[in-house]
N, C-alpha and C. Protein backbone atom coordinates (compact mmCIF):
# COMPACT_ATOMS: atom_id res chain seq x y z
N MET A 1 -63.47 4.27 0.90
CA MET A 1 -63.58 5.66 1.35
C MET A 1 -63.47 5.69 2.87
N THR A 2 -62.52 6.43 3.40
CA THR A 2 -62.35 6.49 4.84
C THR A 2 -63.31 7.51 5.44
N THR A 3 -63.66 7.30 6.71
CA THR A 3 -64.49 8.24 7.44
C THR A 3 -63.59 9.33 8.02
N PRO A 4 -64.16 10.44 8.53
CA PRO A 4 -63.32 11.55 8.99
C PRO A 4 -62.32 11.20 10.09
N GLY A 5 -62.62 10.20 10.91
CA GLY A 5 -61.70 9.82 11.98
C GLY A 5 -60.72 8.74 11.60
N GLU A 6 -60.65 8.41 10.31
CA GLU A 6 -59.83 7.31 9.84
C GLU A 6 -58.80 7.77 8.81
N THR A 7 -57.82 6.93 8.58
CA THR A 7 -56.96 7.06 7.41
C THR A 7 -56.87 5.67 6.80
N SER A 8 -56.02 5.50 5.82
CA SER A 8 -55.93 4.20 5.15
C SER A 8 -54.49 3.85 4.87
N THR A 9 -54.25 2.56 4.67
CA THR A 9 -52.92 2.09 4.29
C THR A 9 -52.47 2.77 3.01
N GLU A 10 -53.37 2.89 2.05
CA GLU A 10 -53.02 3.49 0.76
C GLU A 10 -52.60 4.94 0.93
N ARG A 11 -53.33 5.67 1.76
CA ARG A 11 -52.99 7.07 2.00
C ARG A 11 -51.61 7.19 2.65
N LEU A 12 -51.37 6.39 3.67
CA LEU A 12 -50.10 6.49 4.39
C LEU A 12 -48.92 6.10 3.51
N LEU A 13 -49.05 5.02 2.76
CA LEU A 13 -47.93 4.56 1.94
C LEU A 13 -47.64 5.49 0.77
N ALA A 14 -48.59 6.35 0.44
CA ALA A 14 -48.37 7.32 -0.63
C ALA A 14 -47.52 8.51 -0.18
N GLN A 15 -47.29 8.61 1.14
CA GLN A 15 -46.51 9.73 1.67
C GLN A 15 -45.03 9.37 1.76
N PRO A 16 -44.14 10.33 1.57
CA PRO A 16 -42.70 10.05 1.56
C PRO A 16 -42.21 9.45 2.87
N GLY A 17 -41.38 8.43 2.77
CA GLY A 17 -40.68 7.88 3.93
C GLY A 17 -41.46 6.91 4.78
N VAL A 18 -42.72 6.65 4.44
CA VAL A 18 -43.54 5.77 5.26
C VAL A 18 -43.22 4.31 4.98
N ARG A 19 -43.03 3.54 6.05
CA ARG A 19 -42.72 2.11 5.93
C ARG A 19 -43.77 1.32 6.69
N ARG A 20 -44.33 0.31 6.05
CA ARG A 20 -45.31 -0.52 6.75
C ARG A 20 -44.61 -1.67 7.47
N VAL A 21 -45.04 -1.96 8.68
CA VAL A 21 -44.55 -3.14 9.39
C VAL A 21 -45.15 -4.37 8.69
N PRO A 22 -44.30 -5.31 8.24
CA PRO A 22 -44.79 -6.43 7.43
C PRO A 22 -45.45 -7.52 8.27
N ASN A 23 -46.61 -7.21 8.80
CA ASN A 23 -47.36 -8.19 9.58
C ASN A 23 -48.84 -8.02 9.25
N PRO A 24 -49.49 -9.06 8.75
CA PRO A 24 -50.89 -8.94 8.32
C PRO A 24 -51.88 -8.75 9.46
N ARG A 25 -51.42 -8.93 10.69
CA ARG A 25 -52.34 -8.85 11.84
C ARG A 25 -52.57 -7.41 12.31
N VAL A 26 -51.77 -6.47 11.81
CA VAL A 26 -51.92 -5.07 12.21
C VAL A 26 -51.69 -4.16 11.02
N GLU A 27 -52.30 -2.97 11.08
CA GLU A 27 -51.93 -1.88 10.18
C GLU A 27 -51.02 -0.98 11.00
N MET A 28 -49.72 -1.06 10.75
CA MET A 28 -48.74 -0.35 11.57
C MET A 28 -47.64 0.19 10.66
N PHE A 29 -47.19 1.40 10.97
CA PHE A 29 -46.27 2.11 10.09
C PHE A 29 -45.22 2.86 10.91
N ALA A 30 -44.07 3.08 10.29
CA ALA A 30 -43.02 3.90 10.90
C ALA A 30 -42.57 4.93 9.87
N VAL A 31 -42.25 6.13 10.37
CA VAL A 31 -41.78 7.22 9.51
C VAL A 31 -40.53 7.82 10.15
N PRO A 32 -39.34 7.39 9.74
CA PRO A 32 -38.12 7.99 10.30
C PRO A 32 -38.04 9.48 9.97
N ASN A 33 -37.48 10.26 10.89
CA ASN A 33 -37.24 11.69 10.67
C ASN A 33 -38.53 12.46 10.36
N PHE A 34 -39.64 12.04 10.97
CA PHE A 34 -40.90 12.75 10.77
C PHE A 34 -40.84 14.14 11.40
N LEU A 35 -40.15 14.25 12.54
CA LEU A 35 -39.97 15.54 13.21
C LEU A 35 -38.53 15.97 13.11
N SER A 36 -38.30 17.26 12.94
CA SER A 36 -36.94 17.79 12.90
C SER A 36 -36.36 17.83 14.32
N GLY A 37 -35.05 17.93 14.40
CA GLY A 37 -34.40 18.04 15.70
C GLY A 37 -34.84 19.27 16.47
N ASP A 38 -34.96 20.40 15.79
CA ASP A 38 -35.38 21.63 16.46
C ASP A 38 -36.80 21.50 17.00
N LEU A 39 -37.66 20.84 16.24
CA LEU A 39 -39.04 20.65 16.70
C LEU A 39 -39.08 19.72 17.90
N CYS A 40 -38.29 18.67 17.87
CA CYS A 40 -38.20 17.77 19.03
C CYS A 40 -37.77 18.55 20.27
N ASP A 41 -36.76 19.38 20.13
CA ASP A 41 -36.27 20.16 21.27
C ASP A 41 -37.35 21.08 21.83
N ALA A 42 -38.09 21.72 20.94
CA ALA A 42 -39.14 22.64 21.39
C ALA A 42 -40.24 21.90 22.15
N LEU A 43 -40.58 20.70 21.70
CA LEU A 43 -41.61 19.91 22.36
C LEU A 43 -41.13 19.42 23.73
N ILE A 44 -39.86 19.07 23.84
CA ILE A 44 -39.31 18.65 25.12
C ILE A 44 -39.41 19.78 26.15
N VAL A 45 -39.12 21.00 25.73
CA VAL A 45 -39.23 22.15 26.63
C VAL A 45 -40.66 22.28 27.14
N LEU A 46 -41.63 22.11 26.26
CA LEU A 46 -43.04 22.22 26.67
C LEU A 46 -43.42 21.12 27.66
N ILE A 47 -42.95 19.92 27.41
CA ILE A 47 -43.25 18.81 28.32
C ILE A 47 -42.64 19.06 29.69
N GLU A 48 -41.40 19.49 29.72
CA GLU A 48 -40.73 19.75 31.00
C GLU A 48 -41.47 20.82 31.82
N ALA A 49 -42.06 21.77 31.14
CA ALA A 49 -42.71 22.88 31.84
C ALA A 49 -44.06 22.50 32.43
N ASN A 50 -44.69 21.44 31.93
CA ASN A 50 -46.08 21.17 32.30
C ASN A 50 -46.35 19.72 32.69
N ARG A 51 -45.35 18.93 32.95
CA ARG A 51 -45.56 17.50 33.20
C ARG A 51 -46.21 17.26 34.57
N ARG A 52 -46.95 16.17 34.61
CA ARG A 52 -47.65 15.73 35.83
C ARG A 52 -47.68 14.21 35.81
N PRO A 53 -47.96 13.55 36.93
CA PRO A 53 -48.01 12.08 36.94
C PRO A 53 -49.07 11.56 35.96
N SER A 54 -48.72 10.53 35.22
CA SER A 54 -49.65 9.91 34.28
C SER A 54 -50.70 9.10 35.02
N THR A 55 -51.86 8.93 34.39
CA THR A 55 -52.94 8.12 34.95
C THR A 55 -53.39 7.10 33.91
N ILE A 56 -54.27 6.18 34.33
CA ILE A 56 -54.83 5.19 33.40
C ILE A 56 -56.34 5.15 33.57
N ALA A 57 -57.03 4.71 32.50
CA ALA A 57 -58.44 4.38 32.62
C ALA A 57 -58.55 2.99 33.23
N ASP A 58 -59.65 2.72 33.89
CA ASP A 58 -59.91 1.40 34.48
C ASP A 58 -58.76 0.96 35.38
N PRO A 59 -58.53 1.61 36.50
CA PRO A 59 -57.46 1.21 37.42
C PRO A 59 -57.51 -0.28 37.74
N ASN A 60 -56.32 -0.90 37.73
CA ASN A 60 -56.25 -2.36 37.89
C ASN A 60 -55.60 -2.79 39.20
N GLY A 61 -55.36 -1.85 40.10
CA GLY A 61 -54.77 -2.20 41.38
C GLY A 61 -53.26 -2.20 41.40
N ASP A 62 -52.61 -2.03 40.23
CA ASP A 62 -51.15 -2.01 40.15
C ASP A 62 -50.68 -0.56 40.13
N ALA A 63 -50.18 -0.08 41.25
CA ALA A 63 -49.76 1.31 41.36
C ALA A 63 -48.56 1.62 40.48
N ASN A 64 -47.86 0.59 40.02
CA ASN A 64 -46.68 0.77 39.18
C ASN A 64 -46.95 0.44 37.72
N PHE A 65 -48.22 0.36 37.34
CA PHE A 65 -48.56 -0.01 35.96
C PHE A 65 -48.10 1.06 34.97
N ARG A 66 -48.31 2.32 35.34
CA ARG A 66 -47.86 3.44 34.49
C ARG A 66 -47.20 4.46 35.38
N THR A 67 -45.89 4.60 35.24
CA THR A 67 -45.13 5.44 36.17
C THR A 67 -44.53 6.68 35.51
N SER A 68 -44.89 6.93 34.26
CA SER A 68 -44.37 8.09 33.54
C SER A 68 -45.05 9.37 33.98
N GLU A 69 -44.67 10.48 33.34
CA GLU A 69 -45.35 11.75 33.50
C GLU A 69 -45.93 12.18 32.16
N THR A 70 -46.99 12.99 32.23
CA THR A 70 -47.77 13.36 31.06
C THR A 70 -47.91 14.87 30.99
N CYS A 71 -48.09 15.38 29.78
CA CYS A 71 -48.31 16.81 29.58
C CYS A 71 -49.32 17.00 28.46
N ASP A 72 -50.38 17.76 28.72
CA ASP A 72 -51.29 18.18 27.65
C ASP A 72 -50.66 19.39 26.97
N LEU A 73 -50.46 19.29 25.67
CA LEU A 73 -49.74 20.33 24.95
C LEU A 73 -50.71 21.39 24.41
N ASP A 74 -50.38 22.64 24.65
CA ASP A 74 -51.21 23.77 24.26
C ASP A 74 -51.31 23.84 22.73
N PRO A 75 -52.53 23.74 22.17
CA PRO A 75 -52.66 23.76 20.71
C PRO A 75 -52.25 25.08 20.08
N GLY A 76 -52.11 26.13 20.88
CA GLY A 76 -51.68 27.41 20.35
C GLY A 76 -50.18 27.55 20.21
N GLU A 77 -49.42 26.63 20.79
CA GLU A 77 -47.96 26.70 20.70
C GLU A 77 -47.50 26.42 19.27
N PRO A 78 -46.54 27.21 18.74
CA PRO A 78 -46.08 26.99 17.37
C PRO A 78 -45.61 25.55 17.12
N ALA A 79 -44.90 24.95 18.07
CA ALA A 79 -44.41 23.58 17.87
C ALA A 79 -45.57 22.60 17.75
N VAL A 80 -46.61 22.82 18.53
CA VAL A 80 -47.78 21.93 18.48
C VAL A 80 -48.51 22.10 17.15
N ARG A 81 -48.67 23.33 16.70
CA ARG A 81 -49.31 23.57 15.41
C ARG A 81 -48.52 22.92 14.28
N ASP A 82 -47.20 22.93 14.39
CA ASP A 82 -46.35 22.30 13.39
C ASP A 82 -46.61 20.79 13.34
N VAL A 83 -46.65 20.15 14.50
CA VAL A 83 -46.91 18.71 14.55
C VAL A 83 -48.28 18.39 13.95
N GLU A 84 -49.28 19.16 14.34
CA GLU A 84 -50.64 18.91 13.85
C GLU A 84 -50.70 19.05 12.32
N ALA A 85 -50.00 20.02 11.78
CA ALA A 85 -49.99 20.21 10.33
C ALA A 85 -49.32 19.03 9.63
N ARG A 86 -48.24 18.53 10.21
CA ARG A 86 -47.55 17.37 9.62
C ARG A 86 -48.44 16.13 9.65
N LEU A 87 -49.15 15.95 10.75
CA LEU A 87 -50.04 14.79 10.86
C LEU A 87 -51.20 14.89 9.87
N LEU A 88 -51.73 16.07 9.67
CA LEU A 88 -52.82 16.23 8.70
C LEU A 88 -52.34 15.90 7.29
N THR A 89 -51.16 16.36 6.93
CA THR A 89 -50.61 16.04 5.62
C THR A 89 -50.40 14.54 5.45
N LEU A 90 -49.93 13.90 6.50
CA LEU A 90 -49.66 12.47 6.45
C LEU A 90 -50.93 11.65 6.35
N THR A 91 -51.91 11.94 7.21
CA THR A 91 -53.05 11.05 7.40
C THR A 91 -54.34 11.50 6.73
N ALA A 92 -54.51 12.80 6.53
CA ALA A 92 -55.76 13.39 6.04
C ALA A 92 -56.92 13.17 7.00
N ILE A 93 -56.64 12.82 8.26
CA ILE A 93 -57.71 12.68 9.25
C ILE A 93 -58.20 14.07 9.66
N ASP A 94 -59.51 14.25 9.67
CA ASP A 94 -60.10 15.52 10.08
C ASP A 94 -59.60 15.88 11.48
N PRO A 95 -58.96 17.03 11.65
CA PRO A 95 -58.43 17.40 12.97
C PRO A 95 -59.49 17.44 14.07
N ALA A 96 -60.75 17.62 13.72
CA ALA A 96 -61.81 17.65 14.73
C ALA A 96 -61.93 16.32 15.46
N HIS A 97 -61.43 15.25 14.86
CA HIS A 97 -61.51 13.92 15.46
C HIS A 97 -60.31 13.60 16.34
N GLY A 98 -59.38 14.54 16.48
CA GLY A 98 -58.18 14.29 17.25
C GLY A 98 -58.30 14.73 18.70
N GLU A 99 -57.79 13.90 19.60
CA GLU A 99 -57.61 14.34 20.98
C GLU A 99 -56.48 15.38 21.02
N PRO A 100 -56.42 16.20 22.05
CA PRO A 100 -55.29 17.12 22.18
C PRO A 100 -53.96 16.35 22.20
N LEU A 101 -52.97 16.91 21.56
CA LEU A 101 -51.65 16.28 21.55
C LEU A 101 -51.11 16.18 22.97
N GLN A 102 -50.56 15.02 23.30
CA GLN A 102 -49.98 14.81 24.62
C GLN A 102 -48.49 14.55 24.52
N GLY A 103 -47.77 14.94 25.56
CA GLY A 103 -46.37 14.58 25.70
C GLY A 103 -46.20 13.66 26.89
N GLN A 104 -45.21 12.78 26.82
CA GLN A 104 -44.89 11.89 27.94
C GLN A 104 -43.39 11.94 28.22
N ARG A 105 -43.06 11.83 29.50
CA ARG A 105 -41.66 11.83 29.94
C ARG A 105 -41.43 10.63 30.85
N TYR A 106 -40.39 9.87 30.54
CA TYR A 106 -39.99 8.71 31.35
C TYR A 106 -38.57 8.94 31.84
N GLN A 107 -38.37 8.83 33.13
CA GLN A 107 -37.01 8.85 33.66
C GLN A 107 -36.59 7.41 33.95
N ALA A 108 -35.35 7.22 34.32
CA ALA A 108 -34.83 5.87 34.58
C ALA A 108 -35.72 5.15 35.59
N GLY A 109 -36.12 3.93 35.24
CA GLY A 109 -36.96 3.13 36.10
C GLY A 109 -38.44 3.22 35.78
N GLN A 110 -38.84 4.18 34.94
CA GLN A 110 -40.26 4.34 34.64
C GLN A 110 -40.67 3.59 33.39
N GLU A 111 -41.94 3.19 33.34
CA GLU A 111 -42.47 2.41 32.22
C GLU A 111 -43.99 2.57 32.17
N PHE A 112 -44.59 1.99 31.13
CA PHE A 112 -46.04 1.82 31.01
C PHE A 112 -46.23 0.38 30.56
N LYS A 113 -46.68 -0.45 31.48
CA LYS A 113 -46.77 -1.88 31.20
C LYS A 113 -47.74 -2.17 30.06
N ALA A 114 -47.76 -3.42 29.60
CA ALA A 114 -48.49 -3.79 28.39
C ALA A 114 -49.96 -3.37 28.45
N HIS A 115 -50.39 -2.64 27.43
CA HIS A 115 -51.73 -2.08 27.38
C HIS A 115 -52.12 -1.85 25.92
N THR A 116 -53.40 -1.64 25.70
CA THR A 116 -53.88 -1.18 24.40
C THR A 116 -54.33 0.26 24.54
N ASP A 117 -54.40 0.98 23.43
CA ASP A 117 -54.82 2.37 23.48
C ASP A 117 -56.33 2.53 23.42
N TYR A 118 -57.03 1.51 22.93
CA TYR A 118 -58.49 1.60 22.91
C TYR A 118 -59.05 1.34 24.30
N PHE A 119 -60.30 1.73 24.49
CA PHE A 119 -60.97 1.55 25.77
C PHE A 119 -61.79 0.27 25.74
N GLU A 120 -61.64 -0.53 26.77
CA GLU A 120 -62.37 -1.80 26.84
C GLU A 120 -63.87 -1.52 27.00
N PRO A 121 -64.70 -2.06 26.11
CA PRO A 121 -66.14 -1.77 26.17
C PRO A 121 -66.80 -2.15 27.49
N ASP A 122 -66.23 -3.14 28.20
CA ASP A 122 -66.80 -3.53 29.48
C ASP A 122 -66.06 -2.91 30.66
N GLY A 123 -65.16 -1.97 30.38
CA GLY A 123 -64.40 -1.31 31.44
C GLY A 123 -65.26 -0.32 32.21
N GLN A 124 -64.89 -0.08 33.45
CA GLN A 124 -65.69 0.79 34.30
C GLN A 124 -65.69 2.24 33.84
N ASP A 125 -64.65 2.64 33.07
CA ASP A 125 -64.56 4.03 32.62
C ASP A 125 -64.95 4.21 31.15
N PHE A 126 -65.50 3.17 30.51
CA PHE A 126 -65.80 3.25 29.08
C PHE A 126 -66.77 4.40 28.77
N SER A 127 -67.85 4.49 29.52
CA SER A 127 -68.84 5.53 29.26
C SER A 127 -68.25 6.92 29.46
N ARG A 128 -67.41 7.05 30.47
CA ARG A 128 -66.80 8.34 30.77
C ARG A 128 -65.96 8.83 29.60
N TYR A 129 -65.21 7.93 28.98
CA TYR A 129 -64.26 8.34 27.94
C TYR A 129 -64.79 8.24 26.52
N CYS A 130 -65.86 7.49 26.29
CA CYS A 130 -66.26 7.19 24.91
C CYS A 130 -67.67 7.62 24.54
N THR A 131 -68.48 8.08 25.49
CA THR A 131 -69.87 8.42 25.18
C THR A 131 -69.96 9.52 24.11
N VAL A 132 -69.14 10.54 24.21
CA VAL A 132 -69.23 11.67 23.30
C VAL A 132 -68.49 11.42 21.99
N SER A 133 -67.22 11.03 22.07
CA SER A 133 -66.37 10.97 20.88
C SER A 133 -66.17 9.57 20.33
N GLY A 134 -66.67 8.56 21.02
CA GLY A 134 -66.51 7.21 20.52
C GLY A 134 -65.13 6.63 20.82
N GLN A 135 -64.89 5.49 20.24
CA GLN A 135 -63.66 4.75 20.47
C GLN A 135 -62.47 5.40 19.75
N ARG A 136 -61.27 5.09 20.22
CA ARG A 136 -60.08 5.52 19.49
C ARG A 136 -59.91 4.71 18.20
N THR A 137 -59.50 5.39 17.16
CA THR A 137 -59.27 4.73 15.88
C THR A 137 -57.77 4.53 15.66
N TRP A 138 -57.04 5.60 15.41
CA TRP A 138 -55.61 5.53 15.15
C TRP A 138 -54.80 6.17 16.27
N THR A 139 -53.60 5.62 16.47
CA THR A 139 -52.58 6.18 17.36
C THR A 139 -51.37 6.58 16.54
N PHE A 140 -50.81 7.76 16.80
CA PHE A 140 -49.53 8.17 16.22
C PHE A 140 -48.64 8.68 17.35
N MET A 141 -47.46 8.11 17.45
CA MET A 141 -46.53 8.42 18.54
C MET A 141 -45.16 8.72 17.94
N ALA A 142 -44.54 9.78 18.43
CA ALA A 142 -43.21 10.15 17.93
C ALA A 142 -42.22 10.23 19.09
N TYR A 143 -41.03 9.70 18.87
CA TYR A 143 -39.94 9.80 19.84
C TYR A 143 -39.22 11.13 19.66
N LEU A 144 -38.95 11.80 20.77
CA LEU A 144 -38.31 13.11 20.71
C LEU A 144 -36.81 13.06 20.99
N ASN A 145 -36.32 11.92 21.46
CA ASN A 145 -34.88 11.81 21.73
C ASN A 145 -34.44 10.36 21.64
N ASP A 146 -33.15 10.18 21.42
CA ASP A 146 -32.55 8.86 21.56
C ASP A 146 -32.35 8.61 23.05
N VAL A 147 -32.62 7.39 23.49
CA VAL A 147 -32.54 7.06 24.91
C VAL A 147 -31.23 6.32 25.18
N ALA A 148 -30.55 6.69 26.25
CA ALA A 148 -29.25 6.09 26.55
C ALA A 148 -29.33 4.58 26.69
N ALA A 149 -30.36 4.07 27.37
CA ALA A 149 -30.55 2.62 27.51
C ALA A 149 -32.00 2.35 27.88
N GLY A 150 -32.59 1.33 27.25
CA GLY A 150 -33.97 0.96 27.52
C GLY A 150 -34.96 1.86 26.82
N GLY A 151 -36.22 1.77 27.24
CA GLY A 151 -37.25 2.66 26.72
C GLY A 151 -37.87 2.24 25.40
N ALA A 152 -37.62 1.01 24.95
CA ALA A 152 -38.22 0.56 23.70
C ALA A 152 -39.72 0.38 23.84
N THR A 153 -40.42 0.37 22.70
CA THR A 153 -41.84 0.06 22.66
C THR A 153 -41.99 -1.34 22.08
N ARG A 154 -42.53 -2.25 22.88
CA ARG A 154 -42.61 -3.65 22.48
C ARG A 154 -44.05 -4.07 22.22
N PHE A 155 -44.30 -4.55 21.01
CA PHE A 155 -45.57 -5.15 20.64
C PHE A 155 -45.37 -6.67 20.69
N LYS A 156 -45.60 -7.23 21.85
CA LYS A 156 -45.23 -8.62 22.11
C LYS A 156 -45.98 -9.61 21.22
N LEU A 157 -47.25 -9.37 20.97
CA LEU A 157 -48.07 -10.34 20.25
C LEU A 157 -47.72 -10.45 18.78
N ILE A 158 -47.05 -9.42 18.24
CA ILE A 158 -46.63 -9.50 16.84
C ILE A 158 -45.10 -9.49 16.72
N ASP A 159 -44.42 -9.63 17.86
CA ASP A 159 -42.96 -9.74 17.89
C ASP A 159 -42.28 -8.55 17.20
N LYS A 160 -42.70 -7.35 17.60
CA LYS A 160 -42.12 -6.14 17.02
C LYS A 160 -41.68 -5.20 18.13
N ILE A 161 -40.46 -4.70 18.02
CA ILE A 161 -39.92 -3.75 18.99
C ILE A 161 -39.40 -2.52 18.25
N PHE A 162 -39.79 -1.34 18.72
CA PHE A 162 -39.26 -0.08 18.21
C PHE A 162 -38.32 0.50 19.25
N GLN A 163 -37.08 0.72 18.86
CA GLN A 163 -36.13 1.43 19.71
C GLN A 163 -36.34 2.93 19.52
N PRO A 164 -36.29 3.71 20.60
CA PRO A 164 -36.49 5.16 20.45
C PRO A 164 -35.46 5.77 19.51
N ARG A 165 -35.95 6.47 18.51
CA ARG A 165 -35.09 7.17 17.56
C ARG A 165 -35.63 8.59 17.40
N ARG A 166 -34.81 9.55 17.71
CA ARG A 166 -35.23 10.95 17.68
C ARG A 166 -35.92 11.30 16.36
N GLY A 167 -37.15 11.80 16.46
CA GLY A 167 -37.89 12.24 15.29
C GLY A 167 -38.73 11.18 14.60
N MET A 168 -38.60 9.92 14.99
CA MET A 168 -39.34 8.85 14.32
C MET A 168 -40.79 8.78 14.80
N LEU A 169 -41.70 8.64 13.85
CA LEU A 169 -43.12 8.48 14.14
C LEU A 169 -43.51 7.02 13.94
N VAL A 170 -44.32 6.50 14.86
CA VAL A 170 -44.91 5.18 14.73
C VAL A 170 -46.42 5.34 14.82
N GLY A 171 -47.15 4.69 13.90
CA GLY A 171 -48.60 4.80 13.92
C GLY A 171 -49.25 3.45 13.70
N TRP A 172 -50.43 3.27 14.31
CA TRP A 172 -51.14 2.01 14.10
C TRP A 172 -52.65 2.21 14.24
N ASN A 173 -53.37 1.34 13.57
CA ASN A 173 -54.82 1.30 13.65
C ASN A 173 -55.21 0.42 14.83
N ASN A 174 -55.99 0.95 15.74
CA ASN A 174 -56.40 0.19 16.91
C ASN A 174 -57.52 -0.81 16.62
N ARG A 175 -57.96 -0.85 15.37
CA ARG A 175 -59.04 -1.76 15.00
C ARG A 175 -58.65 -2.58 13.78
N ARG A 176 -59.34 -3.68 13.61
CA ARG A 176 -59.16 -4.53 12.44
C ARG A 176 -60.01 -3.98 11.28
N PRO A 177 -59.79 -4.51 10.08
CA PRO A 177 -60.58 -4.02 8.93
C PRO A 177 -62.08 -4.14 9.11
N ASP A 178 -62.53 -5.12 9.91
CA ASP A 178 -63.98 -5.27 10.13
C ASP A 178 -64.51 -4.35 11.22
N GLY A 179 -63.65 -3.51 11.78
CA GLY A 179 -64.07 -2.56 12.80
C GLY A 179 -63.93 -3.05 14.23
N SER A 180 -63.61 -4.32 14.42
CA SER A 180 -63.44 -4.85 15.77
C SER A 180 -62.11 -4.39 16.36
N LEU A 181 -62.04 -4.35 17.68
CA LEU A 181 -60.83 -3.91 18.36
C LEU A 181 -59.72 -4.93 18.16
N ASN A 182 -58.52 -4.43 17.91
CA ASN A 182 -57.40 -5.30 17.57
C ASN A 182 -56.48 -5.49 18.78
N ALA A 183 -56.64 -6.61 19.46
CA ALA A 183 -55.83 -6.90 20.64
C ALA A 183 -54.36 -7.08 20.30
N ASP A 184 -54.02 -7.29 19.03
CA ASP A 184 -52.62 -7.44 18.64
C ASP A 184 -51.85 -6.13 18.71
N THR A 185 -52.55 -5.02 19.02
CA THR A 185 -51.86 -3.74 19.22
C THR A 185 -51.39 -3.57 20.67
N LEU A 186 -51.53 -4.59 21.48
CA LEU A 186 -51.02 -4.55 22.86
C LEU A 186 -49.54 -4.16 22.84
N HIS A 187 -49.16 -3.18 23.64
CA HIS A 187 -47.77 -2.72 23.61
C HIS A 187 -47.31 -2.28 25.00
N HIS A 188 -46.02 -2.34 25.19
CA HIS A 188 -45.39 -2.06 26.47
C HIS A 188 -44.33 -0.97 26.25
N ALA A 189 -44.50 0.16 26.90
CA ALA A 189 -43.43 1.17 26.93
C ALA A 189 -42.43 0.71 27.98
N MET A 190 -41.40 0.05 27.51
CA MET A 190 -40.49 -0.65 28.40
C MET A 190 -39.67 0.32 29.26
N ARG A 191 -39.23 -0.20 30.38
CA ARG A 191 -38.56 0.61 31.38
C ARG A 191 -37.30 1.28 30.82
N VAL A 192 -37.18 2.56 31.09
CA VAL A 192 -35.94 3.28 30.77
C VAL A 192 -34.88 2.84 31.78
N ARG A 193 -33.74 2.44 31.30
CA ARG A 193 -32.67 1.98 32.19
C ARG A 193 -31.64 3.08 32.47
N LYS A 194 -31.50 4.01 31.53
CA LYS A 194 -30.53 5.09 31.71
C LYS A 194 -30.98 6.29 30.91
N GLY A 195 -30.94 7.46 31.53
CA GLY A 195 -31.31 8.68 30.83
C GLY A 195 -32.80 8.97 30.91
N LEU A 196 -33.28 9.76 29.97
CA LEU A 196 -34.67 10.16 29.89
C LEU A 196 -35.24 9.77 28.53
N LYS A 197 -36.56 9.64 28.49
CA LYS A 197 -37.26 9.36 27.24
C LYS A 197 -38.43 10.32 27.13
N TYR A 198 -38.54 10.98 25.96
CA TYR A 198 -39.65 11.87 25.69
C TYR A 198 -40.37 11.41 24.43
N VAL A 199 -41.70 11.39 24.49
CA VAL A 199 -42.50 11.08 23.31
C VAL A 199 -43.71 12.02 23.27
N ILE A 200 -44.29 12.13 22.09
CA ILE A 200 -45.60 12.76 21.96
C ILE A 200 -46.55 11.74 21.38
N THR A 201 -47.84 11.86 21.72
CA THR A 201 -48.84 10.91 21.24
C THR A 201 -50.08 11.65 20.79
N LYS A 202 -50.62 11.21 19.66
CA LYS A 202 -51.87 11.75 19.12
C LYS A 202 -52.83 10.60 18.89
N TRP A 203 -54.03 10.71 19.49
CA TRP A 203 -55.07 9.71 19.28
C TRP A 203 -56.23 10.35 18.54
N TYR A 204 -56.84 9.55 17.66
CA TYR A 204 -58.02 10.00 16.93
C TYR A 204 -59.23 9.17 17.34
N ARG A 205 -60.43 9.75 17.16
CA ARG A 205 -61.68 9.14 17.60
C ARG A 205 -62.65 8.93 16.45
N GLU A 206 -63.66 8.11 16.71
CA GLU A 206 -64.70 7.84 15.72
C GLU A 206 -65.52 9.09 15.40
N ARG A 207 -65.75 9.89 16.41
CA ARG A 207 -66.55 11.10 16.27
C ARG A 207 -65.72 12.31 16.71
N PRO A 208 -66.15 13.51 16.39
CA PRO A 208 -65.38 14.70 16.78
C PRO A 208 -65.14 14.74 18.30
N TRP A 209 -63.97 15.23 18.64
CA TRP A 209 -63.58 15.34 20.04
C TRP A 209 -64.38 16.45 20.71
N GLY A 210 -64.84 16.14 21.94
CA GLY A 210 -65.60 17.17 22.64
C GLY A 210 -65.88 16.77 24.07
């Protein structure tokens, strides 16, 4: 039985089009064509209108660690409501456990170096980000466009690379079955070499977001 901030392999694989990455070290899935082309276009417009420089928790002294731009997406926008409804159908995760949907934009030369989505318990910003809602459980990320060159998402420790494909959703559990943090989810949003890259990301928490 999953908790409100969780989903399960069984739940995900029961949904149409879901493919599991065949690696026992992670719970990771891909869903081609999860978003329609029109929906991708609408989300790109929202990102372009509200983007700002991205930031990181626990600054590490590398000013070029994350060079993309970020946008908090308005939950009242029809396109955002559409995405949220699709994710609820897919995962059955209680929406109260979700962070606000975010958009990211990468232009040529921009990247997000290898990182995990969970917060390090001994990090200087852990209390700031996790005291109320707890740790991140699942990540779901969708590509909004095909990228002319570069921009892949590389999971180096499990030898898996996702090339950006318009409408494709990728999701993974940031923890192992025993509840411990899964360092094998380390991933690198590789540098865009030509064109632009747009993605949206949804993170879920152990406790309701607040």
